[in-house]
C-alpha cells in the first residue's frame, strides 16, 4: 500500500479492524494455487480463536486446502457491503499463515466448539475425516475504513498477544453455559448468545453476528460472568 495515503494507525483503527474480523461470518480467502501459479479466491466460513485470530474449516478435497498445504501464506478479505457504493464501507485484508490444528489437541476441542457456536449447521460435516480446522495467524493487514481512510496494521493489532497461554485455564464451556442461561432469561428474544472469551461476548442480534467488548479483560470466571451479567442487563426489552 502506498505509504503516502496512509493515516496514522490509532486505537479506533485497531478496534475497527478487530471488529471486521471478529464479527464476520465468512470471508473471501485467497491462496497461491500451485498448479497454475495464479492467486485463487474462494469463500469460507469464519470463526475466531480465543485471542481473536481467524479460523476456517475446510475440506482436504478442495483446491484451496491443497494450496495451503503447499504454501501456508493466505489472505482473507472481511467487511460487509451495505447500501450504496460498496467501496464506501469498511473492509480489511489480512495476511496470515494458515496453521493446521491437531484434531487430538485441547486447542481443537475448544476451537471446534467456538466454530459450531457460530455455524451450527457445520455440525453435519465438521467431524468428517477430510475436514480440518486451520488457525490463521495474522501477519499484517490493510484497513480501508472508507474513502480516504487507509491504515496499515501489524498482526499483533488484531489479536491479544499471549492470550492462548493465559486463557488455557478458563473453562469456556462452563462460562458459555452460564452466559447462555443469562441470555435465555432476557426478554428481548432477538438477542441470542453465540460465544464468549475474557475480552468480550459474541451474540446474534436478529440475523447479524455482533460482538460486545467488555470494559475490562476478565482474569477469572467470576469476573467473566459478572461482565456477561452487566451486558445482559443492558439489552433493551421488547
Foldseek 3Di string as FASTA:
>chain_A
DPPVLADEDDPVNLVVQLFQQAFFQKWWKWFQQPVPRDIDIDIFGWHAAQFSFIKTKDFLPDRRVVRCVVPQWMKIKGWDQDPDDSQQAKMKIFIWGKAWDDCPDPSVVVVVLLNCLSVVVCVVPCPPPRMTMITTQTAKMWIDHGPSHIHIGGSCSNTPPPQVVLCPPPPQVVLQVLLQVLLVPQQPVQWGFRGDHQQWGWIGRNNGIGIDGFPDGDNHSVVRNVSSNVVSVPDDHD
